[in-house]
N, C-alpha and C. Protein backbone atom coordinates (compact mmCIF):
# COMPACT_ATOMS: atom_id res chain seq x y z
N MET A 1 101.40 75.45 87.38
CA MET A 1 100.84 74.16 87.93
C MET A 1 100.44 74.52 89.31
N ASN A 2 99.51 73.77 90.07
CA ASN A 2 99.05 74.05 91.59
C ASN A 2 99.93 72.89 92.12
N ILE A 3 100.03 73.85 93.84
CA ILE A 3 100.78 72.95 94.36
C ILE A 3 99.81 72.33 95.53
N LYS A 4 100.29 70.96 95.62
CA LYS A 4 99.09 70.08 96.15
C LYS A 4 99.53 69.86 97.37
N VAL A 5 98.46 70.79 98.36
CA VAL A 5 98.54 70.77 99.88
C VAL A 5 97.30 69.16 100.45
N ALA A 6 98.17 69.06 101.24
CA ALA A 6 97.52 67.70 102.36
C ALA A 6 97.36 68.50 104.03
N LEU A 7 96.35 68.36 104.60
CA LEU A 7 95.41 69.20 105.67
C LEU A 7 95.46 68.27 106.78
N PHE A 8 95.86 67.90 107.83
CA PHE A 8 95.46 67.30 108.61
C PHE A 8 95.21 68.26 110.42
N GLU A 9 94.10 68.37 110.17
CA GLU A 9 93.53 69.36 111.36
C GLU A 9 92.64 68.48 111.96
N ASP A 10 92.34 68.48 113.97
CA ASP A 10 91.27 67.54 114.10
C ASP A 10 89.60 68.52 114.25
N ASN A 11 90.09 70.06 114.47
CA ASN A 11 89.38 71.14 114.30
C ASN A 11 87.98 71.06 112.84
N ASP A 12 86.74 70.58 112.94
CA ASP A 12 85.92 70.37 112.21
C ASP A 12 86.23 71.66 111.55
N ARG A 13 85.58 72.53 111.99
CA ARG A 13 85.26 73.67 111.53
C ARG A 13 86.97 74.42 110.68
N LEU A 14 87.89 74.59 111.67
CA LEU A 14 89.04 75.06 111.13
C LEU A 14 89.26 74.38 110.03
N ARG A 15 89.23 72.89 109.87
CA ARG A 15 89.74 72.46 108.65
C ARG A 15 88.92 72.74 107.41
N LYS A 16 87.50 72.62 107.62
CA LYS A 16 86.89 72.91 106.11
C LYS A 16 87.25 74.49 106.03
N GLY A 17 87.14 75.40 106.80
CA GLY A 17 87.84 76.54 106.71
C GLY A 17 89.08 76.48 105.58
N LEU A 18 90.12 75.92 106.32
CA LEU A 18 91.15 76.07 105.56
C LEU A 18 91.39 75.17 104.08
N GLN A 19 90.55 74.54 103.80
CA GLN A 19 90.58 73.57 102.59
C GLN A 19 89.44 74.48 101.93
N LEU A 20 88.90 75.02 101.99
CA LEU A 20 87.80 75.90 101.32
C LEU A 20 89.27 77.30 100.78
N LEU A 21 89.34 77.84 101.80
CA LEU A 21 90.83 79.09 101.79
C LEU A 21 91.70 77.98 100.46
N ILE A 22 92.37 76.93 100.87
CA ILE A 22 93.29 76.42 99.50
C ILE A 22 92.81 76.40 98.38
N ASP A 23 91.98 75.48 98.39
CA ASP A 23 90.68 74.92 97.02
C ASP A 23 90.42 76.47 96.25
N GLY A 24 90.13 77.71 97.24
CA GLY A 24 89.78 78.71 96.33
C GLY A 24 90.78 79.93 96.10
N SER A 25 92.27 79.43 96.38
CA SER A 25 93.04 80.36 96.00
C SER A 25 94.13 79.81 94.86
N LYS A 26 94.32 80.41 94.11
CA LYS A 26 95.08 80.29 92.51
C LYS A 26 96.06 79.69 93.37
N GLY A 27 96.64 78.39 92.36
CA GLY A 27 97.89 78.43 92.55
C GLY A 27 97.88 76.79 93.57
N PHE A 28 96.73 76.89 94.29
CA PHE A 28 96.56 75.94 95.33
C PHE A 28 95.53 74.67 95.41
N ARG A 29 95.90 73.76 95.69
CA ARG A 29 94.68 72.44 95.29
C ARG A 29 94.96 71.56 96.99
N CYS A 30 93.87 71.81 97.30
CA CYS A 30 93.50 70.58 98.86
C CYS A 30 93.49 69.52 98.30
N VAL A 31 94.60 68.23 98.28
CA VAL A 31 94.34 67.06 97.67
C VAL A 31 93.88 66.33 98.85
N GLY A 32 93.76 66.54 100.37
CA GLY A 32 92.70 65.85 101.14
C GLY A 32 92.73 66.51 102.51
N ALA A 33 92.05 66.29 103.31
CA ALA A 33 92.04 66.74 104.47
C ALA A 33 91.49 65.80 105.41
N PHE A 34 91.74 65.80 106.39
CA PHE A 34 91.74 64.90 107.70
C PHE A 34 92.05 65.43 108.99
N PRO A 35 91.30 64.54 109.96
CA PRO A 35 91.02 65.14 111.53
C PRO A 35 92.15 64.40 112.25
N ASN A 36 92.66 63.14 111.34
CA ASN A 36 93.89 62.56 112.56
C ASN A 36 94.82 62.08 111.62
N CYS A 37 95.89 61.56 111.83
CA CYS A 37 97.01 60.61 111.31
C CYS A 37 96.74 59.48 111.24
N SER A 38 95.94 58.68 111.71
CA SER A 38 95.60 56.92 111.86
C SER A 38 96.04 56.53 110.65
N ASN A 39 95.98 57.10 109.51
CA ASN A 39 96.18 56.23 108.32
C ASN A 39 97.06 57.38 107.44
N LEU A 40 97.96 58.01 108.36
CA LEU A 40 98.84 58.92 107.51
C LEU A 40 99.85 58.80 106.40
N ILE A 41 100.42 57.75 106.23
CA ILE A 41 101.54 57.19 105.53
C ILE A 41 100.50 56.93 104.39
N GLU A 42 99.68 56.18 104.38
CA GLU A 42 98.40 55.18 103.28
C GLU A 42 98.48 57.04 102.80
N ASN A 43 97.44 57.49 103.53
CA ASN A 43 96.75 58.83 102.90
C ASN A 43 98.19 59.93 101.80
N ILE A 44 99.17 59.88 102.86
CA ILE A 44 100.52 60.60 101.85
C ILE A 44 100.75 59.85 100.72
N ARG A 45 100.74 58.45 100.94
CA ARG A 45 101.55 57.84 99.55
C ARG A 45 100.47 57.82 98.68
N GLU A 46 99.09 57.90 99.11
CA GLU A 46 98.55 57.71 97.76
C GLU A 46 98.22 59.39 97.19
N LEU A 47 98.04 60.60 97.86
CA LEU A 47 97.62 61.92 97.30
C LEU A 47 99.05 62.66 97.27
N ASN A 48 100.07 62.03 97.28
CA ASN A 48 101.61 62.50 96.63
C ASN A 48 101.48 63.90 96.93
N PRO A 49 100.98 65.06 98.17
CA PRO A 49 101.09 66.43 98.02
C PRO A 49 102.41 66.77 98.56
N ASP A 50 102.35 68.48 97.79
CA ASP A 50 103.61 69.00 97.59
C ASP A 50 104.30 69.41 99.08
N VAL A 51 103.14 69.75 99.61
CA VAL A 51 103.31 70.21 100.62
C VAL A 51 102.31 69.91 102.36
N VAL A 52 102.39 69.63 103.26
CA VAL A 52 101.63 68.95 103.99
C VAL A 52 101.23 70.25 105.31
N LEU A 53 99.96 70.68 105.72
CA LEU A 53 99.84 71.69 106.73
C LEU A 53 99.77 70.96 108.03
N MET A 54 100.13 70.83 108.77
CA MET A 54 99.95 69.92 109.87
C MET A 54 99.97 70.48 111.29
N ASP A 55 98.18 70.06 112.08
CA ASP A 55 98.38 70.64 113.51
C ASP A 55 99.02 70.26 114.43
N ILE A 56 100.00 71.02 115.34
CA ILE A 56 100.71 70.04 116.11
C ILE A 56 100.01 69.14 117.27
N GLN A 57 98.76 69.89 117.63
CA GLN A 57 98.20 68.78 118.66
C GLN A 57 97.18 68.46 118.21
N MET A 58 96.88 66.78 118.33
CA MET A 58 95.60 66.09 117.45
C MET A 58 95.28 64.86 118.58
N PRO A 59 94.27 64.47 118.65
CA PRO A 59 94.60 63.37 119.32
C PRO A 59 94.89 62.02 118.47
N GLY A 60 95.09 60.78 119.09
CA GLY A 60 96.12 59.59 118.73
C GLY A 60 97.13 60.45 118.03
N ILE A 61 97.67 59.79 116.98
CA ILE A 61 99.19 60.52 116.49
C ILE A 61 99.47 61.88 116.61
N SER A 62 100.28 62.48 117.29
CA SER A 62 99.83 63.54 117.61
C SER A 62 100.50 64.58 115.78
N GLY A 63 100.37 65.48 115.62
CA GLY A 63 101.46 66.07 114.62
C GLY A 63 102.57 65.93 114.61
N ILE A 64 103.56 66.33 115.90
CA ILE A 64 104.73 65.67 116.09
C ILE A 64 105.12 64.72 116.02
N ASP A 65 104.78 63.18 115.86
CA ASP A 65 105.06 62.08 115.52
C ASP A 65 104.34 62.14 114.06
N GLY A 66 103.40 62.67 113.84
CA GLY A 66 102.84 62.54 112.41
C GLY A 66 104.12 63.08 111.49
N VAL A 67 104.64 64.82 112.06
CA VAL A 67 106.28 64.69 111.15
C VAL A 67 106.98 63.91 111.33
N ARG A 68 107.87 63.17 112.28
CA ARG A 68 108.65 62.06 112.37
C ARG A 68 108.60 60.85 111.19
N MET A 69 106.84 60.79 111.31
CA MET A 69 106.90 59.42 109.90
C MET A 69 106.54 59.82 108.58
N ILE A 70 105.96 60.96 108.46
CA ILE A 70 106.36 61.40 107.07
C ILE A 70 107.42 61.87 106.56
N LYS A 71 108.60 62.44 107.46
CA LYS A 71 110.20 62.49 106.86
C LYS A 71 110.68 61.08 106.82
N GLU A 72 110.64 60.14 107.54
CA GLU A 72 111.01 58.78 107.52
C GLU A 72 110.52 58.23 106.16
N ASN A 73 109.33 58.60 105.95
CA ASN A 73 109.12 57.38 104.49
C ASN A 73 108.97 58.46 103.35
N PHE A 74 108.91 60.02 103.55
CA PHE A 74 108.66 60.35 101.94
C PHE A 74 109.46 62.33 102.31
N PRO A 75 110.92 61.93 102.65
CA PRO A 75 111.90 63.35 102.78
C PRO A 75 111.73 64.32 102.37
N GLU A 76 111.12 64.39 101.06
CA GLU A 76 111.18 65.50 99.64
C GLU A 76 109.92 65.99 100.40
N ILE A 77 108.72 65.59 101.29
CA ILE A 77 107.72 66.23 101.46
C ILE A 77 108.14 67.66 102.43
N LYS A 78 107.50 68.63 101.87
CA LYS A 78 107.55 69.75 102.70
C LYS A 78 106.52 69.69 104.08
N ILE A 79 106.72 70.08 104.94
CA ILE A 79 105.67 70.61 106.32
C ILE A 79 105.70 71.37 106.85
N LEU A 80 104.30 71.97 107.18
CA LEU A 80 104.37 73.47 107.85
C LEU A 80 103.43 73.38 108.89
N MET A 81 103.93 73.40 109.90
CA MET A 81 103.04 73.17 111.39
C MET A 81 102.21 74.11 111.56
N GLN A 82 101.25 74.18 112.10
CA GLN A 82 100.52 75.14 113.04
C GLN A 82 100.23 75.08 114.41
N THR A 83 100.40 76.23 114.65
CA THR A 83 100.96 75.81 116.41
C THR A 83 100.60 77.30 117.39
N ILE A 84 99.91 77.29 118.17
CA ILE A 84 99.62 78.51 119.07
C ILE A 84 101.08 78.80 120.16
N PHE A 85 101.11 79.98 120.72
CA PHE A 85 101.67 80.98 121.50
C PHE A 85 102.69 80.14 122.54
N GLU A 86 101.44 79.04 123.49
CA GLU A 86 101.82 78.63 124.31
C GLU A 86 102.99 76.82 124.10
N GLU A 87 102.92 76.78 122.96
CA GLU A 87 103.93 75.36 122.49
C GLU A 87 105.07 75.33 122.32
N ASP A 88 105.53 75.99 123.42
CA ASP A 88 107.33 75.81 122.95
C ASP A 88 108.01 74.81 122.39
N GLU A 89 107.75 73.55 123.80
CA GLU A 89 107.91 72.57 123.81
C GLU A 89 107.90 71.69 122.14
N LYS A 90 106.59 71.64 121.53
CA LYS A 90 106.01 71.64 120.86
C LYS A 90 106.81 71.75 119.21
N ILE A 91 106.95 73.13 119.71
CA ILE A 91 107.29 73.46 118.22
C ILE A 91 108.81 72.97 118.47
N PHE A 92 109.74 73.03 119.48
CA PHE A 92 110.86 72.56 118.92
C PHE A 92 111.09 70.69 119.26
N ALA A 93 110.26 70.40 119.18
CA ALA A 93 110.24 69.18 118.86
C ALA A 93 109.80 68.50 117.43
N SER A 94 109.05 69.54 116.56
CA SER A 94 108.62 69.23 115.51
C SER A 94 109.75 69.84 114.70
N ILE A 95 110.69 70.88 115.06
CA ILE A 95 111.76 71.30 114.30
C ILE A 95 112.99 69.94 114.29
N CYS A 96 112.93 69.21 115.42
CA CYS A 96 113.92 68.07 115.51
C CYS A 96 113.25 67.07 114.58
N ASN A 97 112.38 66.87 114.65
CA ASN A 97 111.81 66.29 113.63
C ASN A 97 111.51 65.87 112.41
N GLY A 98 111.83 67.37 111.59
CA GLY A 98 112.32 67.50 110.61
C GLY A 98 111.36 68.57 110.16
N ALA A 99 110.02 69.30 110.78
CA ALA A 99 109.02 69.93 110.08
C ALA A 99 110.10 71.55 109.85
N GLU A 100 109.68 71.99 108.27
CA GLU A 100 110.44 72.60 107.83
C GLU A 100 109.70 74.55 108.02
N GLY A 101 108.54 74.59 108.15
CA GLY A 101 108.03 75.71 108.84
C GLY A 101 106.95 75.78 109.89
N TYR A 102 106.90 76.94 110.64
CA TYR A 102 105.91 76.81 111.76
C TYR A 102 105.17 78.21 111.74
N ILE A 103 103.49 78.55 111.49
CA ILE A 103 102.98 79.37 111.66
C ILE A 103 102.03 79.48 112.76
N LEU A 104 101.64 80.54 112.68
CA LEU A 104 100.41 81.16 113.97
C LEU A 104 99.03 80.23 113.58
N LYS A 105 98.18 79.52 114.15
CA LYS A 105 96.94 79.81 113.99
C LYS A 105 95.89 81.04 113.83
N ASN A 106 96.33 81.93 114.19
CA ASN A 106 95.48 83.34 114.00
C ASN A 106 96.99 84.01 112.99
N THR A 107 97.40 83.60 111.62
CA THR A 107 98.18 84.22 111.07
C THR A 107 97.38 84.56 109.43
N PRO A 108 97.34 85.62 109.32
CA PRO A 108 96.02 85.96 107.89
C PRO A 108 95.96 85.07 106.97
N PRO A 109 94.93 84.92 106.18
CA PRO A 109 95.10 83.96 105.07
C PRO A 109 96.09 84.25 103.90
N ALA A 110 96.44 85.12 103.38
CA ALA A 110 97.40 85.56 102.97
C ALA A 110 98.88 85.10 103.10
N LEU A 111 99.12 85.35 104.63
CA LEU A 111 100.55 84.91 104.99
C LEU A 111 100.59 83.22 104.94
N LEU A 112 99.00 82.79 104.96
CA LEU A 112 99.63 81.50 105.39
C LEU A 112 99.59 80.85 103.87
N LEU A 113 99.25 81.11 103.04
CA LEU A 113 99.16 80.76 101.56
C LEU A 113 100.92 81.21 101.08
N GLN A 114 101.17 82.33 101.56
CA GLN A 114 102.49 82.93 101.57
C GLN A 114 103.51 81.69 101.86
N SER A 115 103.06 81.07 103.15
CA SER A 115 104.16 80.77 103.93
C SER A 115 104.36 79.26 103.37
N LEU A 116 103.29 78.09 102.74
CA LEU A 116 103.13 77.46 101.64
C LEU A 116 103.71 77.16 100.59
N ARG A 117 103.51 78.28 99.97
CA ARG A 117 104.55 78.73 98.74
C ARG A 117 105.87 78.77 98.54
N GLU A 118 106.16 79.06 99.68
CA GLU A 118 107.44 79.27 100.20
C GLU A 118 108.57 78.32 100.62
N LEU A 119 107.63 77.58 101.17
CA LEU A 119 108.12 75.75 100.89
C LEU A 119 107.98 75.44 100.17
N TYR A 120 107.49 75.59 98.62
CA TYR A 120 107.20 74.76 97.53
C TYR A 120 108.50 75.07 96.87
N ASP A 121 108.35 76.41 96.24
CA ASP A 121 109.11 76.89 95.52
C ASP A 121 110.10 78.11 96.11
N GLY A 122 110.07 79.18 96.94
CA GLY A 122 110.36 80.65 97.54
C GLY A 122 110.31 81.18 96.09
N GLY A 123 110.21 82.53 97.01
CA GLY A 123 110.26 83.85 96.23
C GLY A 123 109.15 84.44 95.49
N ALA A 124 108.02 83.81 96.10
CA ALA A 124 106.79 84.12 95.51
C ALA A 124 105.95 85.28 96.06
N GLU A 125 105.68 86.33 95.58
CA GLU A 125 104.95 87.51 95.69
C GLU A 125 103.41 87.29 95.93
N ILE A 126 103.08 87.04 97.18
CA ILE A 126 101.39 87.64 97.44
C ILE A 126 101.00 89.06 97.98
N LEU A 127 101.88 89.10 98.88
CA LEU A 127 101.94 90.65 99.47
C LEU A 127 102.64 91.07 99.61
N GLU A 128 103.28 92.03 99.27
CA GLU A 128 104.54 92.90 99.52
C GLU A 128 104.94 93.36 101.56
N ALA A 129 103.96 93.11 101.65
CA ALA A 129 103.68 94.22 102.93
C ALA A 129 104.17 92.81 104.32
N ILE A 130 103.58 91.64 103.15
CA ILE A 130 104.15 90.60 104.61
C ILE A 130 104.82 89.70 103.92
N ARG A 131 105.27 89.60 102.86
CA ARG A 131 105.98 88.23 101.76
C ARG A 131 107.21 88.24 102.84
N GLU A 132 107.91 87.30 102.31
CA GLU A 132 109.51 86.91 103.59
C GLU A 132 109.71 86.01 102.17
N ILE A 133 110.71 86.35 101.44
CA ILE A 133 111.66 85.99 100.42
C ILE A 133 112.49 84.86 100.18
N HIS A 134 112.68 84.27 100.01
CA HIS A 134 113.47 82.70 100.26
C HIS A 134 113.57 81.89 99.63
N GLU A 135 114.67 81.24 99.38
CA GLU A 135 114.78 80.13 98.29
C GLU A 135 114.92 78.51 99.31
N GLY A 136 113.08 77.44 99.39
CA GLY A 136 113.89 76.90 100.25
C GLY A 136 113.65 76.86 101.06
N GLY A 137 113.46 78.05 102.12
CA GLY A 137 113.42 78.70 103.62
C GLY A 137 111.91 78.05 104.19
N SER A 138 112.01 78.36 105.38
CA SER A 138 111.11 77.55 106.19
C SER A 138 110.73 79.16 106.70
N PRO A 139 109.34 79.37 107.19
CA PRO A 139 108.40 80.54 107.29
C PRO A 139 108.20 80.43 109.22
N MET A 140 108.67 81.31 109.55
CA MET A 140 108.98 81.55 111.81
C MET A 140 108.88 82.71 111.57
N THR A 141 107.17 83.02 112.17
CA THR A 141 107.28 84.28 112.46
C THR A 141 108.24 84.73 113.75
N PRO A 142 108.20 86.22 113.75
CA PRO A 142 109.31 86.57 115.16
C PRO A 142 108.49 86.33 116.07
N SER A 143 107.74 86.04 116.54
CA SER A 143 106.99 85.80 117.31
C SER A 143 107.30 84.05 117.60
N VAL A 144 107.15 83.55 117.29
CA VAL A 144 107.59 82.14 117.36
C VAL A 144 108.97 81.87 116.91
N ALA A 145 110.09 82.61 116.61
CA ALA A 145 111.04 82.52 116.91
C ALA A 145 111.88 82.91 118.15
N ASN A 146 110.93 84.08 118.96
CA ASN A 146 111.15 84.28 119.81
C ASN A 146 111.02 83.17 121.09
N ARG A 147 110.11 82.91 121.15
CA ARG A 147 109.79 81.33 121.63
C ARG A 147 110.52 80.65 121.68
N VAL A 148 111.20 80.12 120.34
CA VAL A 148 111.66 79.32 120.08
C VAL A 148 113.65 79.74 121.04
N LEU A 149 113.65 80.82 120.59
CA LEU A 149 114.56 81.29 121.06
C LEU A 149 115.22 80.93 122.83
N LYS A 150 114.19 81.66 123.48
CA LYS A 150 114.10 81.09 125.00
C LYS A 150 113.41 79.88 125.21
N MET A 151 113.14 79.51 124.76
CA MET A 151 113.11 77.83 125.09
C MET A 151 114.49 77.01 125.00
N VAL A 152 115.05 77.44 123.65
CA VAL A 152 115.88 76.66 123.54
C VAL A 152 117.20 76.71 124.73
N LYS A 153 117.31 78.23 124.86
CA LYS A 153 118.61 78.47 125.62
C LYS A 153 118.11 77.84 126.94
N ASN A 154 117.46 77.35 127.32
CA ASN A 154 117.46 76.59 128.58
C ASN A 154 117.83 74.80 128.58
N LYS A 155 118.12 74.72 127.44
CA LYS A 155 118.86 73.12 126.95
C LYS A 155 120.16 73.48 127.08
N SER A 156 120.52 72.17 127.34
CA SER A 156 122.06 71.95 127.19
C SER A 156 122.85 72.55 126.28
N ILE A 157 123.77 73.07 126.29
CA ILE A 157 124.86 73.73 125.26
C ILE A 157 125.54 72.96 124.57
N GLU A 158 125.70 73.03 123.26
CA GLU A 158 125.82 72.11 122.78
C GLU A 158 127.37 72.61 121.46
N LEU A 159 128.44 72.06 121.89
CA LEU A 159 129.44 73.07 121.48
C LEU A 159 130.09 72.58 120.13
N TYR A 160 130.23 73.40 119.24
CA TYR A 160 130.90 73.07 117.99
C TYR A 160 132.03 73.97 117.41
N PRO A 161 132.74 73.21 116.57
CA PRO A 161 133.99 73.85 116.66
C PRO A 161 134.00 75.15 115.65
N ASP A 162 134.71 76.03 115.96
CA ASP A 162 135.27 77.26 115.61
C ASP A 162 134.31 78.17 114.57
N SER A 163 132.87 77.54 115.19
CA SER A 163 131.53 78.25 115.14
C SER A 163 131.21 78.27 113.21
N PHE A 164 131.98 77.34 112.50
CA PHE A 164 131.82 76.35 110.96
C PHE A 164 132.77 77.67 110.52
N ASP A 165 133.90 78.09 110.38
CA ASP A 165 134.00 79.69 109.69
C ASP A 165 132.94 80.53 109.09
N LEU A 166 132.25 80.75 109.93
CA LEU A 166 131.31 81.49 109.42
C LEU A 166 131.78 83.01 108.80
N THR A 167 131.98 83.61 108.03
CA THR A 167 132.67 84.97 108.30
C THR A 167 131.60 86.00 109.11
N ARG A 168 132.03 87.61 108.96
CA ARG A 168 131.58 88.23 109.92
C ARG A 168 130.00 88.37 109.17
N ARG A 169 129.91 88.69 108.12
CA ARG A 169 128.68 88.67 107.34
C ARG A 169 127.85 87.49 107.29
N GLU A 170 128.35 86.79 107.35
CA GLU A 170 127.33 85.41 107.42
C GLU A 170 126.86 85.65 108.78
N THR A 171 127.43 85.51 109.57
CA THR A 171 127.35 85.02 111.26
C THR A 171 126.06 86.74 111.92
N GLU A 172 126.29 87.75 111.16
CA GLU A 172 125.27 88.93 110.88
C GLU A 172 123.58 88.56 110.46
N ILE A 173 123.96 87.34 109.18
CA ILE A 173 123.25 87.41 108.34
C ILE A 173 121.99 86.48 109.81
N LEU A 174 122.96 85.46 110.45
CA LEU A 174 122.48 84.45 111.02
C LEU A 174 121.82 84.67 112.31
N SER A 175 122.39 85.90 112.58
CA SER A 175 121.73 85.98 113.79
C SER A 175 120.03 87.18 113.73
N GLY A 176 120.08 87.22 112.27
CA GLY A 176 118.59 87.93 111.87
C GLY A 176 118.17 87.40 112.15
N LEU A 177 118.15 85.61 111.11
CA LEU A 177 117.44 84.61 111.25
C LEU A 177 117.17 84.03 112.75
N VAL A 178 117.51 84.38 113.25
CA VAL A 178 117.45 83.84 114.80
C VAL A 178 116.69 85.14 115.60
N LYS A 179 116.61 86.12 115.18
CA LYS A 179 115.96 86.87 115.80
C LYS A 179 114.18 87.13 114.72
N GLY A 180 114.28 86.07 113.85
CA GLY A 180 112.59 85.73 112.92
C GLY A 180 112.52 86.81 111.88
N MET A 181 113.84 87.57 111.22
CA MET A 181 113.77 88.98 110.39
C MET A 181 113.40 88.27 109.27
N SER A 182 112.73 88.70 108.20
CA SER A 182 112.94 87.99 107.04
C SER A 182 114.18 88.30 105.83
N TYR A 183 114.16 87.81 105.04
CA TYR A 183 115.45 88.48 103.82
C TYR A 183 115.26 89.47 103.38
N LYS A 184 113.65 90.34 103.56
CA LYS A 184 113.97 91.44 103.16
C LYS A 184 114.38 92.75 104.43
N MET A 185 113.84 92.11 105.54
CA MET A 185 114.41 93.12 106.53
C MET A 185 115.96 92.93 106.96
N ILE A 186 116.81 91.45 106.68
CA ILE A 186 117.97 91.52 106.63
C ILE A 186 118.76 92.54 105.63
N SER A 187 118.32 91.76 104.91
CA SER A 187 118.63 92.86 103.13
C SER A 187 118.44 94.72 103.63
N ASP A 188 117.49 95.04 104.10
CA ASP A 188 117.49 96.55 104.14
C ASP A 188 118.92 96.79 105.33
N ALA A 189 118.48 96.05 106.36
CA ALA A 189 119.50 95.83 108.00
C ALA A 189 120.96 96.33 107.06
N CYS A 190 121.29 95.41 106.64
CA CYS A 190 122.79 95.17 106.15
C CYS A 190 123.25 96.56 104.92
N THR A 191 121.84 96.66 103.87
CA THR A 191 122.59 97.65 102.93
C THR A 191 123.02 96.35 101.71
N ILE A 192 122.38 95.37 101.64
CA ILE A 192 122.53 94.47 100.70
C ILE A 192 121.62 93.57 100.01
N SER A 193 121.88 93.28 98.58
CA SER A 193 120.81 93.08 98.29
C SER A 193 119.92 91.85 97.93
N MET A 194 118.67 91.30 97.91
CA MET A 194 118.23 90.35 98.37
C MET A 194 118.68 88.90 97.65
N ASP A 195 119.43 88.70 96.25
CA ASP A 195 120.41 87.97 95.95
C ASP A 195 121.23 87.60 96.76
N THR A 196 122.22 88.81 97.25
CA THR A 196 123.14 88.32 98.21
C THR A 196 123.15 88.04 99.27
N VAL A 197 121.57 88.41 99.92
CA VAL A 197 121.56 87.70 101.02
C VAL A 197 121.18 86.26 101.14
N SER A 198 120.62 85.99 99.76
CA SER A 198 120.39 84.29 99.60
C SER A 198 121.19 83.79 99.46
N MET A 199 122.39 84.58 98.72
CA MET A 199 123.96 83.59 98.34
C MET A 199 124.64 83.65 99.66
N HIS A 200 124.75 84.67 100.97
CA HIS A 200 124.98 84.25 102.13
C HIS A 200 124.27 83.27 103.15
N ILE A 201 123.04 82.76 102.75
CA ILE A 201 121.99 81.91 103.58
C ILE A 201 122.47 80.74 103.07
N LYS A 202 123.21 80.54 101.80
CA LYS A 202 123.02 78.81 101.03
C LYS A 202 124.25 79.06 101.47
N ASN A 203 125.08 79.84 101.58
CA ASN A 203 126.84 79.58 102.39
C ASN A 203 126.75 78.70 103.74
N ILE A 204 125.71 79.51 104.13
CA ILE A 204 125.63 79.06 105.86
C ILE A 204 124.92 78.12 105.78
N TYR A 205 123.94 77.41 105.50
CA TYR A 205 123.35 76.16 105.05
C TYR A 205 124.42 75.19 104.74
N ARG A 206 125.41 75.16 104.22
CA ARG A 206 126.38 74.48 103.55
C ARG A 206 127.00 74.00 104.97
N LYS A 207 127.58 75.94 105.45
CA LYS A 207 128.54 75.37 106.66
C LYS A 207 127.90 74.46 107.89
N LEU A 208 126.88 74.95 108.06
CA LEU A 208 126.28 74.48 109.60
C LEU A 208 125.61 73.17 109.61
N GLN A 209 125.39 72.50 107.98
CA GLN A 209 125.20 71.14 107.12
C GLN A 209 123.82 71.30 108.14
N VAL A 210 122.86 71.91 107.47
CA VAL A 210 121.76 72.10 107.24
C VAL A 210 120.52 72.96 106.18
N HIS A 211 119.72 72.32 106.37
CA HIS A 211 118.59 72.43 105.05
C HIS A 211 117.82 73.48 105.13
N SER A 212 117.68 73.62 106.22
CA SER A 212 115.56 74.68 106.36
C SER A 212 116.90 75.77 107.37
N LYS A 213 115.68 76.99 107.32
CA LYS A 213 115.95 78.45 108.28
C LYS A 213 115.99 77.73 109.75
N SER A 214 114.95 77.02 110.06
CA SER A 214 114.52 76.51 111.60
C SER A 214 115.69 75.60 112.02
N GLU A 215 116.24 74.95 111.35
CA GLU A 215 117.68 73.83 111.79
C GLU A 215 118.37 74.80 111.81
N ALA A 216 119.39 76.04 110.98
CA ALA A 216 120.05 76.72 111.12
C ALA A 216 120.01 77.64 112.33
N VAL A 217 118.46 78.09 112.61
CA VAL A 217 117.84 79.10 114.10
C VAL A 217 118.33 77.80 115.13
N VAL A 218 118.09 76.94 115.27
CA VAL A 218 118.10 75.76 116.36
C VAL A 218 119.93 75.71 116.53
N LYS A 219 120.52 75.40 115.78
CA LYS A 219 121.78 75.00 115.66
C LYS A 219 122.54 76.15 115.78
N ALA A 220 122.30 77.73 115.30
CA ALA A 220 123.02 78.87 116.13
C ALA A 220 122.65 78.83 117.65
N ILE A 221 121.70 78.46 118.19
CA ILE A 221 121.22 79.06 119.33
C ILE A 221 121.89 78.21 120.90
N ARG A 222 121.96 76.68 120.19
CA ARG A 222 122.41 75.80 121.09
C ARG A 222 123.91 75.85 121.32
N GLY A 223 124.34 76.47 119.84
CA GLY A 223 125.88 76.37 120.05
C GLY A 223 126.26 77.58 120.59
N LYS A 224 125.63 78.57 120.32
CA LYS A 224 126.49 79.86 120.99
C LYS A 224 126.84 80.41 119.86
N ILE A 225 126.80 80.20 118.59
CA ILE A 225 127.41 80.03 117.24
C ILE A 225 126.99 81.83 117.24
N VAL A 226 126.10 82.54 117.45
CA VAL A 226 125.61 84.14 117.32
C VAL A 226 125.32 84.63 119.09
């Protein structure tokens, strides 16, 4: 079954290129490509995509506001933001509004497709060298993770009780997520299996009361959990 992707990008050339990439890739189908979010809710309701690829900065309704609108009406739909290095505040705002994933606009096509698939069902292998395997996780490149880290440190610190009773291993793995490490990198660093990493991360999500890697990263940084 194809993963249905809806695309929102104001750059005509980039939008058409992404549409061709998605439609030309096995297992994917671009159900709609739009230059703005002016009819966002109507478009999403009609197309019923599995994943939305959203540009952060667009004229009129921004991608940040678009995320909020989608999540308020269709909370089950996954959203992958496209961003550039100089948009720390916008990245953070997108996280707060419910976006699951973040990827840079200069990301290689194979990694973009991998990120879309991860949001849909997790664990699919496309290229071993670039894969980041996890179930229901959120793609976040190390460069973006580092910028989120620096930016969130300047925010007011929120205090959380007893670090949510995370075990030493869970704290170690959460620290790896904050650094932008993939499941494979964490597995190698901790000398444990990928299945064990996945199990620990599910426990981390449960204890932190979050549903994605980006939410866990923000909560860990703001609360000085790691």
